[in-house]
């Protein structure tokens, strides 16, 4: 892993893509934004534009594997997104198991004292942070 280069994390959901970004030392993931899902081609263009804007050297895509590691419907969609990204860029694109990331994001909001009403909102950016932070922790150890 090349240090001093940011990594872009993506949580591909049904309606939105949560986007997170690492710091240059690849230690901490932070929420960046939520992008409404359009089409795969448009999503790829927007992800690559964000990677370029933020000088990301790698893209990590959350892949929702089932609890037993088998490929789910969402995991296949994430795989197709990753393949489309790989066709359009020379940046490394990594699929990373995101099992439980939305639940972890919800728990994090609860620990932060966010009200139940606000916790029910979109968790896309926080789920992207959970995915990217998991990747950073695994790669850094």
C-alpha atoms as a PDB file:
ATOM      1  CA  UNK A   1       0.000   0.000   0.000  1.00  0.00           C
ATOM      2  CA  UNK A   2       1.442   3.363  -1.045  1.00  0.00           C
ATOM      3  CA  UNK A   3       1.435   5.697   1.953  1.00  0.00           C
ATOM      4  CA  UNK A   4       0.675   9.428   1.772  1.00  0.00           C
ATOM      5  CA  UNK A   5      -2.111   8.764  -0.679  1.00  0.00           C
ATOM      6  CA  UNK A   6      -5.785   8.903   0.204  1.00  0.00           C
ATOM      7  CA  UNK A   7      -8.142   5.975  -0.340  1.00  0.00           C
ATOM      8  CA  UNK A   8     -11.756   6.439  -1.416  1.00  0.00           C
ATOM      9  CA  UNK A   9     -14.306   4.101   0.173  1.00  0.00           C
ATOM     10  CA  UNK A  10     -17.682   3.358  -1.414  1.00  0.00           C
ATOM     11  CA  UNK A  11     -20.769   1.779   0.137  1.00  0.00           C
ATOM     12  CA  UNK A  12     -22.937   0.874  -2.871  1.00  0.00           C
ATOM     13  CA  UNK A  13     -26.562   0.839  -1.770  1.00  0.00           C
ATOM     14  CA  UNK A  14     -29.828   0.492  -3.637  1.00  0.00           C
ATOM     15  CA  UNK A  15     -30.677   4.200  -3.645  1.00  0.00           C
ATOM     16  CA  UNK A  16     -27.409   5.894  -2.696  1.00  0.00           C
ATOM     17  CA  UNK A  17     -23.651   5.490  -2.705  1.00  0.00           C
ATOM     18  CA  UNK A  18     -21.991   6.394   0.571  1.00  0.00           C
ATOM     19  CA  UNK A  19     -18.515   7.837   0.069  1.00  0.00           C
ATOM     20  CA  UNK A  20     -15.704   7.997   2.634  1.00  0.00           C
ATOM     21  CA  UNK A  21     -12.130   9.216   2.343  1.00  0.00           C
ATOM     22  CA  UNK A  22      -9.002   8.298   4.269  1.00  0.00           C
ATOM     23  CA  UNK A  23      -6.456  10.774   5.518  1.00  0.00           C
ATOM     24  CA  UNK A  24      -3.155  10.813   3.576  1.00  0.00           C
ATOM     25  CA  UNK A  25      -1.517   8.473   6.109  1.00  0.00           C
ATOM     26  CA  UNK A  26      -4.297   5.910   5.522  1.00  0.00           C
ATOM     27  CA  UNK A  27      -5.057   5.743   9.227  1.00  0.00           C
ATOM     28  CA  UNK A  28      -8.489   7.348   9.629  1.00  0.00           C
ATOM     29  CA  UNK A  29     -11.583   7.189   7.429  1.00  0.00           C
ATOM     30  CA  UNK A  30     -13.989  10.131   7.373  1.00  0.00           C
ATOM     31  CA  UNK A  31     -17.383  10.590   5.731  1.00  0.00           C
ATOM     32  CA  UNK A  32     -17.243  12.536   2.473  1.00  0.00           C
ATOM     33  CA  UNK A  33     -20.718  12.547   0.927  1.00  0.00           C
ATOM     34  CA  UNK A  34     -23.713  10.587  -0.285  1.00  0.00           C
ATOM     35  CA  UNK A  35     -24.385  10.326  -3.995  1.00  0.00           C
ATOM     36  CA  UNK A  36     -27.827   9.320  -5.271  1.00  0.00           C
ATOM     37  CA  UNK A  37     -27.563   6.174  -7.396  1.00  0.00           C
ATOM     38  CA  UNK A  38     -28.184   6.922 -11.071  1.00  0.00           C
ATOM     39  CA  UNK A  39     -26.830   4.329 -13.504  1.00  0.00           C
ATOM     40  CA  UNK A  40     -23.670   2.262 -13.242  1.00  0.00           C
ATOM     41  CA  UNK A  41     -21.971   4.422 -15.875  1.00  0.00           C
ATOM     42  CA  UNK A  42     -22.919   7.669 -14.136  1.00  0.00           C
ATOM     43  CA  UNK A  43     -21.954   6.256 -10.719  1.00  0.00           C
ATOM     44  CA  UNK A  44     -18.533   5.274 -12.105  1.00  0.00           C
ATOM     45  CA  UNK A  45     -18.019   8.762 -13.542  1.00  0.00           C
ATOM     46  CA  UNK A  46     -18.908  10.413 -10.228  1.00  0.00           C
ATOM     47  CA  UNK A  47     -16.734   8.046  -8.184  1.00  0.00           C
ATOM     48  CA  UNK A  48     -13.755   8.617 -10.469  1.00  0.00           C
ATOM     49  CA  UNK A  49     -14.288  12.392 -10.369  1.00  0.00           C
ATOM     50  CA  UNK A  50     -14.211  12.261  -6.548  1.00  0.00           C
ATOM     51  CA  UNK A  51     -11.098  10.085  -6.601  1.00  0.00           C
ATOM     52  CA  UNK A  52      -9.374  12.605  -8.843  1.00  0.00           C
ATOM     53  CA  UNK A  53     -10.562  15.651  -6.867  1.00  0.00           C
ATOM     54  CA  UNK A  54      -9.269  14.171  -3.616  1.00  0.00           C
ATOM     55  CA  UNK A  55      -6.097  12.617  -5.088  1.00  0.00           C
ATOM     56  CA  UNK A  56      -7.110   9.095  -4.099  1.00  0.00           C
ATOM     57  CA  UNK A  57      -4.678   6.363  -5.058  1.00  0.00           C
ATOM     58  CA  UNK A  58      -7.097   3.470  -4.527  1.00  0.00           C
ATOM     59  CA  UNK A  59     -10.829   2.783  -4.391  1.00  0.00           C
ATOM     60  CA  UNK A  60     -12.339   0.318  -1.906  1.00  0.00           C
ATOM     61  CA  UNK A  61     -15.843  -0.938  -2.721  1.00  0.00           C
ATOM     62  CA  UNK A  62     -17.944  -2.543   0.002  1.00  0.00           C
ATOM     63  CA  UNK A  63     -19.229  -5.959  -1.023  1.00  0.00           C
ATOM     64  CA  UNK A  64     -22.139  -7.327   1.002  1.00  0.00           C
ATOM     65  CA  UNK A  65     -21.282 -10.995   1.384  1.00  0.00           C
ATOM     66  CA  UNK A  66     -23.697 -13.173   3.318  1.00  0.00           C
ATOM     67  CA  UNK A  67     -22.814 -14.172   6.895  1.00  0.00           C
ATOM     68  CA  UNK A  68     -21.428 -17.464   5.560  1.00  0.00           C
ATOM     69  CA  UNK A  69     -19.244 -15.722   2.953  1.00  0.00           C
ATOM     70  CA  UNK A  70     -21.451 -16.611  -0.002  1.00  0.00           C
ATOM     71  CA  UNK A  71     -22.160 -14.046  -2.711  1.00  0.00           C
ATOM     72  CA  UNK A  72     -25.413 -12.122  -2.255  1.00  0.00           C
ATOM     73  CA  UNK A  73     -27.364 -10.205  -4.885  1.00  0.00           C
ATOM     74  CA  UNK A  74     -25.886  -6.941  -3.561  1.00  0.00           C
ATOM     75  CA  UNK A  75     -22.393  -8.468  -3.659  1.00  0.00           C
ATOM     76  CA  UNK A  76     -22.814  -9.257  -7.360  1.00  0.00           C
ATOM     77  CA  UNK A  77     -23.890  -5.646  -7.987  1.00  0.00           C
ATOM     78  CA  UNK A  78     -20.824  -4.379  -6.113  1.00  0.00           C
ATOM     79  CA  UNK A  79     -18.661  -6.689  -8.212  1.00  0.00           C
ATOM     80  CA  UNK A  80     -20.107  -5.263 -11.418  1.00  0.00           C
ATOM     81  CA  UNK A  81     -19.480  -1.716 -10.146  1.00  0.00           C
ATOM     82  CA  UNK A  82     -15.877  -2.609  -9.305  1.00  0.00           C
ATOM     83  CA  UNK A  83     -15.381  -4.175 -12.761  1.00  0.00           C
ATOM     84  CA  UNK A  84     -16.795  -1.062 -14.452  1.00  0.00           C
ATOM     85  CA  UNK A  85     -14.439   1.124 -12.398  1.00  0.00           C
ATOM     86  CA  UNK A  86     -11.467  -1.061 -13.308  1.00  0.00           C
ATOM     87  CA  UNK A  87     -12.296  -0.614 -16.998  1.00  0.00           C
ATOM     88  CA  UNK A  88     -12.212   3.177 -16.643  1.00  0.00           C
ATOM     89  CA  UNK A  89      -9.164   3.754 -14.422  1.00  0.00           C
ATOM     90  CA  UNK A  90      -5.669   2.587 -13.654  1.00  0.00           C
ATOM     91  CA  UNK A  91      -6.311   3.011  -9.920  1.00  0.00           C
ATOM     92  CA  UNK A  92      -6.454  -0.208  -7.916  1.00  0.00           C
ATOM     93  CA  UNK A  93     -10.058  -1.162  -7.100  1.00  0.00           C
ATOM     94  CA  UNK A  94     -10.545  -3.468  -4.122  1.00  0.00           C
ATOM     95  CA  UNK A  95     -13.709  -5.321  -3.096  1.00  0.00           C
ATOM     96  CA  UNK A  96     -13.979  -5.452   0.698  1.00  0.00           C
ATOM     97  CA  UNK A  97     -16.490  -7.469   2.717  1.00  0.00           C
ATOM     98  CA  UNK A  98     -18.955  -4.997   4.186  1.00  0.00           C
ATOM     99  CA  UNK A  99     -21.076  -7.512   6.108  1.00  0.00           C
ATOM    100  CA  UNK A 100     -22.676  -5.687   9.041  1.00  0.00           C
ATOM    101  CA  UNK A 101     -21.413  -2.214   8.097  1.00  0.00           C
ATOM    102  CA  UNK A 102     -24.856  -0.592   8.181  1.00  0.00           C
ATOM    103  CA  UNK A 103     -25.573  -2.128  11.588  1.00  0.00           C
ATOM    104  CA  UNK A 104     -22.200  -0.883  12.886  1.00  0.00           C
ATOM    105  CA  UNK A 105     -22.951   2.586  11.507  1.00  0.00           C
ATOM    106  CA  UNK A 106     -26.330   2.554  13.260  1.00  0.00           C
ATOM    107  CA  UNK A 107     -24.672   1.514  16.539  1.00  0.00           C
ATOM    108  CA  UNK A 108     -22.074   4.271  16.164  1.00  0.00           C
ATOM    109  CA  UNK A 109     -24.830   6.860  15.762  1.00  0.00           C
ATOM    110  CA  UNK A 110     -26.516   5.488  18.856  1.00  0.00           C
ATOM    111  CA  UNK A 111     -23.281   5.743  20.875  1.00  0.00           C
ATOM    112  CA  UNK A 112     -22.880   9.349  19.676  1.00  0.00           C
ATOM    113  CA  UNK A 113     -26.258  10.134  21.236  1.00  0.00           C
ATOM    114  CA  UNK A 114     -28.089  10.727  17.957  1.00  0.00           C
ATOM    115  CA  UNK A 115     -31.855  10.645  18.543  1.00  0.00           C
ATOM    116  CA  UNK A 116     -33.879   7.679  17.317  1.00  0.00           C
ATOM    117  CA  UNK A 117     -35.577   9.887  14.688  1.00  0.00           C
ATOM    118  CA  UNK A 118     -32.273  10.998  13.180  1.00  0.00           C
ATOM    119  CA  UNK A 119     -30.758   7.504  13.420  1.00  0.00           C
ATOM    120  CA  UNK A 120     -33.457   6.297  11.050  1.00  0.00           C
ATOM    121  CA  UNK A 121     -32.014   8.463   8.252  1.00  0.00           C
ATOM    122  CA  UNK A 122     -29.417   7.561   5.677  1.00  0.00           C
ATOM    123  CA  UNK A 123     -26.409   5.702   6.982  1.00  0.00           C
ATOM    124  CA  UNK A 124     -24.616   5.568   3.655  1.00  0.00           C
ATOM    125  CA  UNK A 125     -21.663   7.818   4.523  1.00  0.00           C
ATOM    126  CA  UNK A 126     -21.156   6.195   7.927  1.00  0.00           C
ATOM    127  CA  UNK A 127     -21.373   2.719   6.409  1.00  0.00           C
ATOM    128  CA  UNK A 128     -18.708   3.800   3.894  1.00  0.00           C
ATOM    129  CA  UNK A 129     -16.563   4.955   6.829  1.00  0.00           C
ATOM    130  CA  UNK A 130     -17.014   1.586   8.571  1.00  0.00           C
ATOM    131  CA  UNK A 131     -16.021  -0.266   5.383  1.00  0.00           C
ATOM    132  CA  UNK A 132     -12.997   1.923   4.692  1.00  0.00           C
ATOM    133  CA  UNK A 133     -11.838   1.941   8.317  1.00  0.00           C
ATOM    134  CA  UNK A 134     -12.054  -1.859   8.404  1.00  0.00           C
ATOM    135  CA  UNK A 135      -9.894  -1.988   5.272  1.00  0.00           C
ATOM    136  CA  UNK A 136      -7.379   0.532   6.654  1.00  0.00           C
ATOM    137  CA  UNK A 137      -7.115  -1.371   9.955  1.00  0.00           C
ATOM    138  CA  UNK A 138      -6.557  -4.690   8.187  1.00  0.00           C
ATOM    139  CA  UNK A 139      -3.969  -3.274   5.775  1.00  0.00           C
ATOM    140  CA  UNK A 140      -2.146  -1.321   8.477  1.00  0.00           C
ATOM    141  CA  UNK A 141      -1.608  -4.278  10.796  1.00  0.00           C
END
